[in-house]
């Protein structure tokens, strides 16, 4: 069984792992201790146990075992090794079973560049509490030109990029959703299956830590789609969602130092866009390298009663239902 060391060298000898060193500001050390039960001793022990589990798992053939990657799942599950291993297994299986959504996430792909240029999602920066603040302007997703799985792939590419950032793993994120100016097509293009896959990605498959989600100005014609979308969410995630009728109410939750010019602040959205794209480009090889991981697809397809090694997205419903059992 092969192991991927950072960034992607291959080695079969676990004793050669580089020693992990916590190099983040004290704010994140304190957050890690208080919210995730992480300290040097806990981290070292958990990483060793998780690596051993990967080595001994006959259904995982190739997997990254560098600390930064495994800490995604350990931090997500507050250093419960069994739960982190379960989360990793789910993540690997979904990527392999649904490659059209989760593999070959290349920022150089023309459609990826096109969606990014439209700027449907921007990272505003880090607030004083250490969390990342993201802003999505739904109107900038093309309601007619791009298929749901293309928008979904774009967001997954951003998630993979940001999960390489330990500040993001520890501090979590606050999401701001502005539906101003969105069209009927923005909502109607999403089928129930598309909505399920995307929400399951956000709330069950990817190790994302949400502190809060604030949305505003949802038009009436978008309510049925969003209601369906939220029906597939993790119950804990639904508790963190706040809805407002006006953007003015949403703006109250944007940290003053991060507020964009169009929302009454000083942050330049174009500059933020350039900064994010540089980060995406710098992580291109790492994100594409995730495709080198391998699992026993037949085992997982049989485990979740899926016929064939490459099920179509139509099977997403029953498969995700099995995946969500905790």
C-alpha atoms as a PDB file:
ATOM      1  CA  UNK A   1       0.000   0.000   0.000  1.00  0.00           C
ATOM      2  CA  UNK A   2       1.546   3.271  -1.118  1.00  0.00           C
ATOM      3  CA  UNK A   3       1.619   6.443   0.951  1.00  0.00           C
ATOM      4  CA  UNK A   4       1.810   9.999  -0.332  1.00  0.00           C
ATOM      5  CA  UNK A   5       4.157  12.300   1.554  1.00  0.00           C
ATOM      6  CA  UNK A   6       3.839  16.045   1.155  1.00  0.00           C
ATOM      7  CA  UNK A   7       3.480  17.147  -1.462  1.00  0.00           C
ATOM      8  CA  UNK A   8       3.271  13.858  -3.382  1.00  0.00           C
ATOM      9  CA  UNK A   9       6.433  11.780  -3.152  1.00  0.00           C
ATOM     10  CA  UNK A  10       5.699   8.076  -2.707  1.00  0.00           C
ATOM     11  CA  UNK A  11       7.167   6.012   0.112  1.00  0.00           C
ATOM     12  CA  UNK A  12       6.152   2.701   1.644  1.00  0.00           C
ATOM     13  CA  UNK A  13       8.039   3.173   4.897  1.00  0.00           C
ATOM     14  CA  UNK A  14       5.960   4.917   7.602  1.00  0.00           C
ATOM     15  CA  UNK A  15       9.018   5.576   9.777  1.00  0.00           C
ATOM     16  CA  UNK A  16      10.198   8.125   7.211  1.00  0.00           C
ATOM     17  CA  UNK A  17       7.319  10.531   7.818  1.00  0.00           C
ATOM     18  CA  UNK A  18       8.502  14.067   8.441  1.00  0.00           C
ATOM     19  CA  UNK A  19       7.954  15.243  11.989  1.00  0.00           C
ATOM     20  CA  UNK A  20       4.984  17.598  12.165  1.00  0.00           C
ATOM     21  CA  UNK A  21       5.533  21.021  13.714  1.00  0.00           C
ATOM     22  CA  UNK A  22       2.749  23.405  14.661  1.00  0.00           C
ATOM     23  CA  UNK A  23       3.797  26.746  13.172  1.00  0.00           C
ATOM     24  CA  UNK A  24       0.552  28.742  13.225  1.00  0.00           C
ATOM     25  CA  UNK A  25      -0.050  31.841  15.405  1.00  0.00           C
ATOM     26  CA  UNK A  26      -1.016  31.300  19.041  1.00  0.00           C
ATOM     27  CA  UNK A  27      -4.633  32.156  18.182  1.00  0.00           C
ATOM     28  CA  UNK A  28      -4.906  28.878  16.279  1.00  0.00           C
ATOM     29  CA  UNK A  29      -3.062  26.872  18.909  1.00  0.00           C
ATOM     30  CA  UNK A  30      -5.621  28.106  21.460  1.00  0.00           C
ATOM     31  CA  UNK A  31      -8.551  27.413  19.111  1.00  0.00           C
ATOM     32  CA  UNK A  32      -7.240  23.941  18.384  1.00  0.00           C
ATOM     33  CA  UNK A  33      -6.979  23.167  22.081  1.00  0.00           C
ATOM     34  CA  UNK A  34     -10.324  24.662  23.115  1.00  0.00           C
ATOM     35  CA  UNK A  35     -12.512  23.572  20.210  1.00  0.00           C
ATOM     36  CA  UNK A  36     -10.786  20.508  18.765  1.00  0.00           C
ATOM     37  CA  UNK A  37      -9.052  18.993  21.827  1.00  0.00           C
ATOM     38  CA  UNK A  38      -5.768  19.204  19.927  1.00  0.00           C
ATOM     39  CA  UNK A  39      -2.335  19.497  21.470  1.00  0.00           C
ATOM     40  CA  UNK A  40       1.076  18.150  20.490  1.00  0.00           C
ATOM     41  CA  UNK A  41       0.622  14.843  22.303  1.00  0.00           C
ATOM     42  CA  UNK A  42      -2.912  14.189  21.050  1.00  0.00           C
ATOM     43  CA  UNK A  43      -1.946  15.115  17.501  1.00  0.00           C
ATOM     44  CA  UNK A  44       1.125  12.868  17.377  1.00  0.00           C
ATOM     45  CA  UNK A  45      -0.735   9.867  18.765  1.00  0.00           C
ATOM     46  CA  UNK A  46      -3.758  10.340  16.475  1.00  0.00           C
ATOM     47  CA  UNK A  47      -1.627  10.733  13.339  1.00  0.00           C
ATOM     48  CA  UNK A  48       0.260   7.527  14.148  1.00  0.00           C
ATOM     49  CA  UNK A  49      -2.971   5.591  14.728  1.00  0.00           C
ATOM     50  CA  UNK A  50      -4.615   6.900  11.570  1.00  0.00           C
ATOM     51  CA  UNK A  51      -1.569   6.091   9.429  1.00  0.00           C
ATOM     52  CA  UNK A  52      -1.507   2.567  10.812  1.00  0.00           C
ATOM     53  CA  UNK A  53      -5.206   2.155  10.043  1.00  0.00           C
ATOM     54  CA  UNK A  54      -4.617   3.248   6.441  1.00  0.00           C
ATOM     55  CA  UNK A  55      -1.715   0.802   6.045  1.00  0.00           C
ATOM     56  CA  UNK A  56      -3.804  -2.071   7.391  1.00  0.00           C
ATOM     57  CA  UNK A  57      -6.993  -1.226   5.463  1.00  0.00           C
ATOM     58  CA  UNK A  58      -7.118  -3.640   2.496  1.00  0.00           C
ATOM     59  CA  UNK A  59      -9.641  -1.483   0.651  1.00  0.00           C
ATOM     60  CA  UNK A  60      -7.446   1.637   0.577  1.00  0.00           C
ATOM     61  CA  UNK A  61      -4.690   1.075  -1.965  1.00  0.00           C
ATOM     62  CA  UNK A  62      -3.106   4.519  -2.207  1.00  0.00           C
ATOM     63  CA  UNK A  63      -3.676   7.446   0.095  1.00  0.00           C
ATOM     64  CA  UNK A  64      -1.963  10.605   1.203  1.00  0.00           C
ATOM     65  CA  UNK A  65      -0.600  10.131   4.702  1.00  0.00           C
ATOM     66  CA  UNK A  66       1.129  13.473   5.244  1.00  0.00           C
ATOM     67  CA  UNK A  67       0.034  15.297   8.397  1.00  0.00           C
ATOM     68  CA  UNK A  68      -1.654  18.218   6.648  1.00  0.00           C
ATOM     69  CA  UNK A  69      -3.995  15.894   4.770  1.00  0.00           C
ATOM     70  CA  UNK A  70      -4.877  13.604   7.677  1.00  0.00           C
ATOM     71  CA  UNK A  71      -5.380  16.546  10.010  1.00  0.00           C
ATOM     72  CA  UNK A  72      -8.280  17.643   7.803  1.00  0.00           C
ATOM     73  CA  UNK A  73     -10.235  14.670   9.115  1.00  0.00           C
ATOM     74  CA  UNK A  74      -8.865  14.526  12.646  1.00  0.00           C
ATOM     75  CA  UNK A  75      -9.707  18.172  13.252  1.00  0.00           C
ATOM     76  CA  UNK A  76     -13.091  17.735  11.621  1.00  0.00           C
ATOM     77  CA  UNK A  77     -13.863  14.927  14.083  1.00  0.00           C
ATOM     78  CA  UNK A  78     -12.164  16.535  17.109  1.00  0.00           C
ATOM     79  CA  UNK A  79      -9.435  13.895  17.120  1.00  0.00           C
ATOM     80  CA  UNK A  80     -11.674  10.873  17.406  1.00  0.00           C
ATOM     81  CA  UNK A  81      -9.543   8.542  15.310  1.00  0.00           C
ATOM     82  CA  UNK A  82     -12.357   6.073  14.454  1.00  0.00           C
ATOM     83  CA  UNK A  83     -14.609   8.908  13.284  1.00  0.00           C
ATOM     84  CA  UNK A  84     -11.768  10.551  11.349  1.00  0.00           C
ATOM     85  CA  UNK A  85     -11.029   7.250   9.616  1.00  0.00           C
ATOM     86  CA  UNK A  86     -14.702   6.889   8.731  1.00  0.00           C
ATOM     87  CA  UNK A  87     -14.735  10.432   7.312  1.00  0.00           C
ATOM     88  CA  UNK A  88     -11.614   9.729   5.248  1.00  0.00           C
ATOM     89  CA  UNK A  89     -13.092   6.506   3.900  1.00  0.00           C
ATOM     90  CA  UNK A  90     -16.304   8.289   2.909  1.00  0.00           C
ATOM     91  CA  UNK A  91     -14.326  11.075   1.227  1.00  0.00           C
ATOM     92  CA  UNK A  92     -12.174   8.634  -0.775  1.00  0.00           C
ATOM     93  CA  UNK A  93     -15.170   6.552  -1.814  1.00  0.00           C
ATOM     94  CA  UNK A  94     -17.274   9.468  -3.024  1.00  0.00           C
ATOM     95  CA  UNK A  95     -14.385  10.897  -5.040  1.00  0.00           C
ATOM     96  CA  UNK A  96     -13.901   7.545  -6.758  1.00  0.00           C
ATOM     97  CA  UNK A  97     -17.571   6.714  -7.269  1.00  0.00           C
ATOM     98  CA  UNK A  98     -18.454  10.138  -8.696  1.00  0.00           C
ATOM     99  CA  UNK A  99     -15.415  11.225 -10.729  1.00  0.00           C
ATOM    100  CA  UNK A 100     -17.384  13.653 -12.912  1.00  0.00           C
ATOM    101  CA  UNK A 101     -17.931  15.791  -9.809  1.00  0.00           C
ATOM    102  CA  UNK A 102     -14.769  15.219  -7.783  1.00  0.00           C
ATOM    103  CA  UNK A 103     -11.796  14.303  -9.989  1.00  0.00           C
ATOM    104  CA  UNK A 104      -9.526  16.120 -12.457  1.00  0.00           C
ATOM    105  CA  UNK A 105     -10.221  19.457 -10.774  1.00  0.00           C
ATOM    106  CA  UNK A 106      -7.941  21.476 -13.011  1.00  0.00           C
ATOM    107  CA  UNK A 107      -7.976  25.262 -12.616  1.00  0.00           C
ATOM    108  CA  UNK A 108      -6.553  25.516 -16.151  1.00  0.00           C
ATOM    109  CA  UNK A 109      -9.697  23.954 -17.586  1.00  0.00           C
ATOM    110  CA  UNK A 110     -11.472  26.673 -19.639  1.00  0.00           C
ATOM    111  CA  UNK A 111     -14.816  26.219 -17.885  1.00  0.00           C
ATOM    112  CA  UNK A 112     -13.168  26.484 -14.458  1.00  0.00           C
ATOM    113  CA  UNK A 113     -11.513  29.724 -15.534  1.00  0.00           C
ATOM    114  CA  UNK A 114     -14.770  31.012 -16.962  1.00  0.00           C
ATOM    115  CA  UNK A 115     -16.718  30.334 -13.773  1.00  0.00           C
ATOM    116  CA  UNK A 116     -13.981  31.910 -11.688  1.00  0.00           C
ATOM    117  CA  UNK A 117     -13.946  34.990 -13.932  1.00  0.00           C
ATOM    118  CA  UNK A 118     -17.675  35.433 -13.247  1.00  0.00           C
ATOM    119  CA  UNK A 119     -16.714  35.655  -9.532  1.00  0.00           C
ATOM    120  CA  UNK A 120     -19.607  33.768  -7.898  1.00  0.00           C
ATOM    121  CA  UNK A 121     -17.519  33.165  -4.786  1.00  0.00           C
ATOM    122  CA  UNK A 122     -14.916  35.334  -3.041  1.00  0.00           C
ATOM    123  CA  UNK A 123     -12.824  34.825   0.055  1.00  0.00           C
ATOM    124  CA  UNK A 124     -12.967  38.075   2.011  1.00  0.00           C
ATOM    125  CA  UNK A 125     -10.249  37.078   4.471  1.00  0.00           C
ATOM    126  CA  UNK A 126      -9.752  36.107   8.098  1.00  0.00           C
ATOM    127  CA  UNK A 127     -11.660  37.749  10.926  1.00  0.00           C
ATOM    128  CA  UNK A 128     -10.362  38.452  14.429  1.00  0.00           C
ATOM    129  CA  UNK A 129     -11.658  35.088  15.668  1.00  0.00           C
ATOM    130  CA  UNK A 130      -9.474  33.227  13.147  1.00  0.00           C
ATOM    131  CA  UNK A 131     -12.264  32.074  10.854  1.00  0.00           C
ATOM    132  CA  UNK A 132     -12.291  32.476   7.092  1.00  0.00           C
ATOM    133  CA  UNK A 133     -15.130  34.599   5.707  1.00  0.00           C
ATOM    134  CA  UNK A 134     -16.489  33.681   2.285  1.00  0.00           C
ATOM    135  CA  UNK A 135     -19.008  35.580   0.153  1.00  0.00           C
ATOM    136  CA  UNK A 136     -21.145  33.980  -2.547  1.00  0.00           C
ATOM    137  CA  UNK A 137     -23.104  36.191  -4.940  1.00  0.00           C
ATOM    138  CA  UNK A 138     -25.506  33.729  -6.497  1.00  0.00           C
ATOM    139  CA  UNK A 139     -26.301  35.912  -9.499  1.00  0.00           C
ATOM    140  CA  UNK A 140     -22.762  35.349 -10.775  1.00  0.00           C
ATOM    141  CA  UNK A 141     -23.348  31.635 -11.323  1.00  0.00           C
ATOM    142  CA  UNK A 142     -24.419  31.350 -14.964  1.00  0.00           C
ATOM    143  CA  UNK A 143     -27.982  30.035 -14.952  1.00  0.00           C
ATOM    144  CA  UNK A 144     -27.934  28.911 -18.573  1.00  0.00           C
ATOM    145  CA  UNK A 145     -24.396  28.219 -19.777  1.00  0.00           C
ATOM    146  CA  UNK A 146     -22.944  26.058 -16.985  1.00  0.00           C
ATOM    147  CA  UNK A 147     -24.406  22.748 -15.847  1.00  0.00           C
ATOM    148  CA  UNK A 148     -24.854  22.103 -12.111  1.00  0.00           C
ATOM    149  CA  UNK A 149     -21.991  19.602 -11.978  1.00  0.00           C
ATOM    150  CA  UNK A 150     -19.679  22.243 -13.499  1.00  0.00           C
ATOM    151  CA  UNK A 151     -20.598  24.775 -10.823  1.00  0.00           C
ATOM    152  CA  UNK A 152     -20.219  21.970  -8.299  1.00  0.00           C
ATOM    153  CA  UNK A 153     -16.761  21.008  -9.581  1.00  0.00           C
ATOM    154  CA  UNK A 154     -15.676  24.618  -9.310  1.00  0.00           C
ATOM    155  CA  UNK A 155     -16.729  24.812  -5.663  1.00  0.00           C
ATOM    156  CA  UNK A 156     -15.080  21.462  -4.893  1.00  0.00           C
ATOM    157  CA  UNK A 157     -11.841  22.744  -6.434  1.00  0.00           C
ATOM    158  CA  UNK A 158     -11.960  25.739  -4.092  1.00  0.00           C
ATOM    159  CA  UNK A 159     -12.690  23.495  -1.111  1.00  0.00           C
ATOM    160  CA  UNK A 160      -9.753  21.221  -1.909  1.00  0.00           C
ATOM    161  CA  UNK A 161      -7.509  24.265  -2.250  1.00  0.00           C
ATOM    162  CA  UNK A 162      -8.570  25.789   1.057  1.00  0.00           C
ATOM    163  CA  UNK A 163      -8.410  22.483   2.972  1.00  0.00           C
ATOM    164  CA  UNK A 164      -4.653  22.563   2.376  1.00  0.00           C
ATOM    165  CA  UNK A 165      -4.647  25.608   4.676  1.00  0.00           C
ATOM    166  CA  UNK A 166      -4.358  24.697   8.363  1.00  0.00           C
ATOM    167  CA  UNK A 167      -5.863  28.001   9.490  1.00  0.00           C
ATOM    168  CA  UNK A 168      -8.969  26.965   7.591  1.00  0.00           C
ATOM    169  CA  UNK A 169      -8.959  23.497   9.127  1.00  0.00           C
ATOM    170  CA  UNK A 170      -8.818  24.918  12.644  1.00  0.00           C
ATOM    171  CA  UNK A 171     -10.629  28.249  12.447  1.00  0.00           C
ATOM    172  CA  UNK A 172     -13.450  27.085  10.202  1.00  0.00           C
ATOM    173  CA  UNK A 173     -15.454  29.383   7.988  1.00  0.00           C
ATOM    174  CA  UNK A 174     -18.351  31.797   7.995  1.00  0.00           C
ATOM    175  CA  UNK A 175     -20.362  31.809   4.766  1.00  0.00           C
ATOM    176  CA  UNK A 176     -22.319  34.790   3.429  1.00  0.00           C
ATOM    177  CA  UNK A 177     -24.857  34.150   0.647  1.00  0.00           C
ATOM    178  CA  UNK A 178     -26.279  37.070  -1.306  1.00  0.00           C
ATOM    179  CA  UNK A 179     -29.142  36.089  -3.641  1.00  0.00           C
ATOM    180  CA  UNK A 180     -29.665  39.620  -4.981  1.00  0.00           C
ATOM    181  CA  UNK A 181     -30.143  39.648  -8.748  1.00  0.00           C
ATOM    182  CA  UNK A 182     -30.347  35.866  -9.138  1.00  0.00           C
ATOM    183  CA  UNK A 183     -32.595  34.584 -11.929  1.00  0.00           C
ATOM    184  CA  UNK A 184     -35.138  31.802 -12.267  1.00  0.00           C
ATOM    185  CA  UNK A 185     -32.574  29.876 -14.321  1.00  0.00           C
ATOM    186  CA  UNK A 186     -30.090  30.025 -11.434  1.00  0.00           C
ATOM    187  CA  UNK A 187     -32.462  27.796  -9.469  1.00  0.00           C
ATOM    188  CA  UNK A 188     -34.385  25.760 -12.041  1.00  0.00           C
ATOM    189  CA  UNK A 189     -31.297  24.163 -13.578  1.00  0.00           C
ATOM    190  CA  UNK A 190     -30.659  22.170 -10.377  1.00  0.00           C
ATOM    191  CA  UNK A 191     -32.315  18.754 -10.243  1.00  0.00           C
ATOM    192  CA  UNK A 192     -33.054  17.065  -6.933  1.00  0.00           C
ATOM    193  CA  UNK A 193     -30.144  14.686  -7.538  1.00  0.00           C
ATOM    194  CA  UNK A 194     -27.769  17.604  -8.233  1.00  0.00           C
ATOM    195  CA  UNK A 195     -28.904  19.340  -5.055  1.00  0.00           C
ATOM    196  CA  UNK A 196     -28.413  16.193  -3.018  1.00  0.00           C
ATOM    197  CA  UNK A 197     -24.884  15.601  -4.311  1.00  0.00           C
ATOM    198  CA  UNK A 198     -23.863  19.205  -3.672  1.00  0.00           C
ATOM    199  CA  UNK A 199     -25.321  19.454  -0.185  1.00  0.00           C
ATOM    200  CA  UNK A 200     -23.994  16.063   0.845  1.00  0.00           C
ATOM    201  CA  UNK A 201     -20.604  17.296  -0.338  1.00  0.00           C
ATOM    202  CA  UNK A 202     -20.853  20.392   1.849  1.00  0.00           C
ATOM    203  CA  UNK A 203     -22.275  18.791   4.962  1.00  0.00           C
ATOM    204  CA  UNK A 204     -21.185  15.145   5.036  1.00  0.00           C
ATOM    205  CA  UNK A 205     -18.348  14.298   2.642  1.00  0.00           C
ATOM    206  CA  UNK A 206     -15.869  17.177   2.887  1.00  0.00           C
ATOM    207  CA  UNK A 207     -14.343  17.959   6.305  1.00  0.00           C
ATOM    208  CA  UNK A 208     -15.574  21.547   6.470  1.00  0.00           C
ATOM    209  CA  UNK A 209     -16.138  23.334   9.777  1.00  0.00           C
ATOM    210  CA  UNK A 210     -18.867  25.964   9.496  1.00  0.00           C
ATOM    211  CA  UNK A 211     -19.257  28.500  12.283  1.00  0.00           C
ATOM    212  CA  UNK A 212     -22.283  30.196  10.725  1.00  0.00           C
ATOM    213  CA  UNK A 213     -24.051  30.641   7.377  1.00  0.00           C
ATOM    214  CA  UNK A 214     -25.916  33.867   6.636  1.00  0.00           C
ATOM    215  CA  UNK A 215     -28.125  34.341   3.564  1.00  0.00           C
ATOM    216  CA  UNK A 216     -30.202  37.249   2.295  1.00  0.00           C
ATOM    217  CA  UNK A 217     -32.610  38.373  -0.424  1.00  0.00           C
ATOM    218  CA  UNK A 218     -33.756  34.937  -1.564  1.00  0.00           C
ATOM    219  CA  UNK A 219     -36.480  35.497  -4.209  1.00  0.00           C
ATOM    220  CA  UNK A 220     -39.771  33.591  -3.871  1.00  0.00           C
ATOM    221  CA  UNK A 221     -39.095  31.539  -6.997  1.00  0.00           C
ATOM    222  CA  UNK A 222     -35.885  30.301  -5.400  1.00  0.00           C
ATOM    223  CA  UNK A 223     -37.462  29.092  -2.166  1.00  0.00           C
ATOM    224  CA  UNK A 224     -38.474  25.581  -3.376  1.00  0.00           C
ATOM    225  CA  UNK A 225     -34.958  24.882  -4.653  1.00  0.00           C
ATOM    226  CA  UNK A 226     -33.268  26.094  -1.477  1.00  0.00           C
ATOM    227  CA  UNK A 227     -35.767  24.214   0.704  1.00  0.00           C
ATOM    228  CA  UNK A 228     -34.918  21.008  -1.178  1.00  0.00           C
ATOM    229  CA  UNK A 229     -31.223  21.789  -0.923  1.00  0.00           C
ATOM    230  CA  UNK A 230     -31.392  22.284   2.839  1.00  0.00           C
ATOM    231  CA  UNK A 231     -33.449  19.119   3.311  1.00  0.00           C
ATOM    232  CA  UNK A 232     -30.282  17.148   2.540  1.00  0.00           C
ATOM    233  CA  UNK A 233     -28.144  19.066   5.039  1.00  0.00           C
ATOM    234  CA  UNK A 234     -26.608  17.726   8.203  1.00  0.00           C
ATOM    235  CA  UNK A 235     -28.946  18.734  11.100  1.00  0.00           C
ATOM    236  CA  UNK A 236     -26.051  20.475  12.848  1.00  0.00           C
ATOM    237  CA  UNK A 237     -25.414  22.513   9.727  1.00  0.00           C
ATOM    238  CA  UNK A 238     -29.074  23.586   9.503  1.00  0.00           C
ATOM    239  CA  UNK A 239     -28.814  24.990  13.020  1.00  0.00           C
ATOM    240  CA  UNK A 240     -26.103  27.380  11.818  1.00  0.00           C
ATOM    241  CA  UNK A 241     -28.113  28.874   8.947  1.00  0.00           C
ATOM    242  CA  UNK A 242     -29.634  32.361   9.334  1.00  0.00           C
ATOM    243  CA  UNK A 243     -31.876  33.948   6.700  1.00  0.00           C
ATOM    244  CA  UNK A 244     -32.600  37.639   6.162  1.00  0.00           C
ATOM    245  CA  UNK A 245     -34.933  39.472   3.846  1.00  0.00           C
ATOM    246  CA  UNK A 246     -32.516  42.297   3.048  1.00  0.00           C
ATOM    247  CA  UNK A 247     -28.833  42.591   2.217  1.00  0.00           C
ATOM    248  CA  UNK A 248     -28.547  45.334   4.826  1.00  0.00           C
ATOM    249  CA  UNK A 249     -29.148  42.684   7.481  1.00  0.00           C
ATOM    250  CA  UNK A 250     -26.521  40.454   5.889  1.00  0.00           C
ATOM    251  CA  UNK A 251     -23.974  43.265   5.883  1.00  0.00           C
ATOM    252  CA  UNK A 252     -24.071  43.403   9.686  1.00  0.00           C
ATOM    253  CA  UNK A 253     -22.291  40.053   9.716  1.00  0.00           C
ATOM    254  CA  UNK A 254     -19.405  41.128   7.500  1.00  0.00           C
ATOM    255  CA  UNK A 255     -16.406  42.144   9.630  1.00  0.00           C
ATOM    256  CA  UNK A 256     -15.784  45.884   8.955  1.00  0.00           C
ATOM    257  CA  UNK A 257     -12.168  45.328   7.928  1.00  0.00           C
ATOM    258  CA  UNK A 258     -13.260  42.726   5.352  1.00  0.00           C
ATOM    259  CA  UNK A 259     -16.328  44.484   3.925  1.00  0.00           C
ATOM    260  CA  UNK A 260     -16.164  44.978   0.118  1.00  0.00           C
ATOM    261  CA  UNK A 261     -16.647  48.386  -1.451  1.00  0.00           C
ATOM    262  CA  UNK A 262     -20.024  47.412  -2.937  1.00  0.00           C
ATOM    263  CA  UNK A 263     -21.254  46.628   0.579  1.00  0.00           C
ATOM    264  CA  UNK A 264     -20.088  49.928   2.016  1.00  0.00           C
ATOM    265  CA  UNK A 265     -16.570  48.912   2.986  1.00  0.00           C
ATOM    266  CA  UNK A 266     -13.107  49.361   1.537  1.00  0.00           C
ATOM    267  CA  UNK A 267     -12.098  45.881   0.341  1.00  0.00           C
ATOM    268  CA  UNK A 268     -11.466  45.663  -3.413  1.00  0.00           C
ATOM    269  CA  UNK A 269     -13.259  42.606  -4.813  1.00  0.00           C
ATOM    270  CA  UNK A 270     -11.010  42.503  -7.888  1.00  0.00           C
ATOM    271  CA  UNK A 271      -7.918  42.357  -5.708  1.00  0.00           C
ATOM    272  CA  UNK A 272      -9.476  39.633  -3.571  1.00  0.00           C
ATOM    273  CA  UNK A 273     -10.301  37.741  -6.747  1.00  0.00           C
ATOM    274  CA  UNK A 274      -6.692  37.932  -7.969  1.00  0.00           C
ATOM    275  CA  UNK A 275      -5.392  36.782  -4.586  1.00  0.00           C
ATOM    276  CA  UNK A 276      -7.711  33.771  -4.538  1.00  0.00           C
ATOM    277  CA  UNK A 277      -6.763  32.784  -8.078  1.00  0.00           C
ATOM    278  CA  UNK A 278      -3.069  32.893  -7.196  1.00  0.00           C
ATOM    279  CA  UNK A 279      -3.781  30.512  -4.323  1.00  0.00           C
ATOM    280  CA  UNK A 280      -5.758  28.186  -6.599  1.00  0.00           C
ATOM    281  CA  UNK A 281      -2.987  28.171  -9.218  1.00  0.00           C
ATOM    282  CA  UNK A 282      -0.279  27.541  -6.603  1.00  0.00           C
ATOM    283  CA  UNK A 283      -2.187  24.460  -5.393  1.00  0.00           C
ATOM    284  CA  UNK A 284      -3.023  23.088  -8.840  1.00  0.00           C
ATOM    285  CA  UNK A 285      -0.598  20.155  -8.734  1.00  0.00           C
ATOM    286  CA  UNK A 286      -1.619  19.231  -5.198  1.00  0.00           C
ATOM    287  CA  UNK A 287      -5.319  19.209  -6.049  1.00  0.00           C
ATOM    288  CA  UNK A 288      -4.761  17.202  -9.227  1.00  0.00           C
ATOM    289  CA  UNK A 289      -2.494  14.866  -7.279  1.00  0.00           C
ATOM    290  CA  UNK A 290      -5.459  13.785  -5.174  1.00  0.00           C
ATOM    291  CA  UNK A 291      -6.522  11.687  -8.149  1.00  0.00           C
ATOM    292  CA  UNK A 292      -3.562   9.390  -7.469  1.00  0.00           C
ATOM    293  CA  UNK A 293      -5.324   8.004  -4.417  1.00  0.00           C
ATOM    294  CA  UNK A 294      -6.975   4.622  -5.035  1.00  0.00           C
ATOM    295  CA  UNK A 295      -9.537   2.440  -3.284  1.00  0.00           C
ATOM    296  CA  UNK A 296     -11.183  -0.899  -3.967  1.00  0.00           C
ATOM    297  CA  UNK A 297     -14.146   0.541  -5.871  1.00  0.00           C
ATOM    298  CA  UNK A 298     -15.919  -2.802  -6.180  1.00  0.00           C
ATOM    299  CA  UNK A 299     -15.864  -3.234  -2.388  1.00  0.00           C
ATOM    300  CA  UNK A 300     -17.513   0.126  -1.749  1.00  0.00           C
ATOM    301  CA  UNK A 301     -20.001  -0.264  -4.581  1.00  0.00           C
ATOM    302  CA  UNK A 302     -21.097  -3.600  -3.091  1.00  0.00           C
ATOM    303  CA  UNK A 303     -21.058  -2.231   0.444  1.00  0.00           C
ATOM    304  CA  UNK A 304     -23.596   0.433  -0.517  1.00  0.00           C
ATOM    305  CA  UNK A 305     -25.552  -1.830  -2.900  1.00  0.00           C
ATOM    306  CA  UNK A 306     -24.466   0.014  -6.009  1.00  0.00           C
ATOM    307  CA  UNK A 307     -24.274  -1.954  -9.251  1.00  0.00           C
ATOM    308  CA  UNK A 308     -21.145  -1.394 -11.256  1.00  0.00           C
ATOM    309  CA  UNK A 309     -17.844   0.261 -10.407  1.00  0.00           C
ATOM    310  CA  UNK A 310     -18.803   3.634 -11.883  1.00  0.00           C
ATOM    311  CA  UNK A 311     -22.406   4.358 -10.909  1.00  0.00           C
ATOM    312  CA  UNK A 312     -24.219   7.231 -12.499  1.00  0.00           C
ATOM    313  CA  UNK A 313     -25.274  10.217 -10.459  1.00  0.00           C
ATOM    314  CA  UNK A 314     -28.791   8.780 -10.476  1.00  0.00           C
ATOM    315  CA  UNK A 315     -27.634   6.432  -7.732  1.00  0.00           C
ATOM    316  CA  UNK A 316     -26.596   9.318  -5.498  1.00  0.00           C
ATOM    317  CA  UNK A 317     -29.718   9.084  -3.376  1.00  0.00           C
ATOM    318  CA  UNK A 318     -29.335   5.538  -2.012  1.00  0.00           C
ATOM    319  CA  UNK A 319     -25.566   5.770  -1.820  1.00  0.00           C
ATOM    320  CA  UNK A 320     -25.509   8.966   0.208  1.00  0.00           C
ATOM    321  CA  UNK A 321     -28.249   7.611   2.443  1.00  0.00           C
ATOM    322  CA  UNK A 322     -25.887   4.787   3.365  1.00  0.00           C
ATOM    323  CA  UNK A 323     -22.954   7.153   3.748  1.00  0.00           C
ATOM    324  CA  UNK A 324     -24.787   9.350   6.217  1.00  0.00           C
ATOM    325  CA  UNK A 325     -25.217   6.661   8.838  1.00  0.00           C
ATOM    326  CA  UNK A 326     -23.100   7.686  11.857  1.00  0.00           C
END
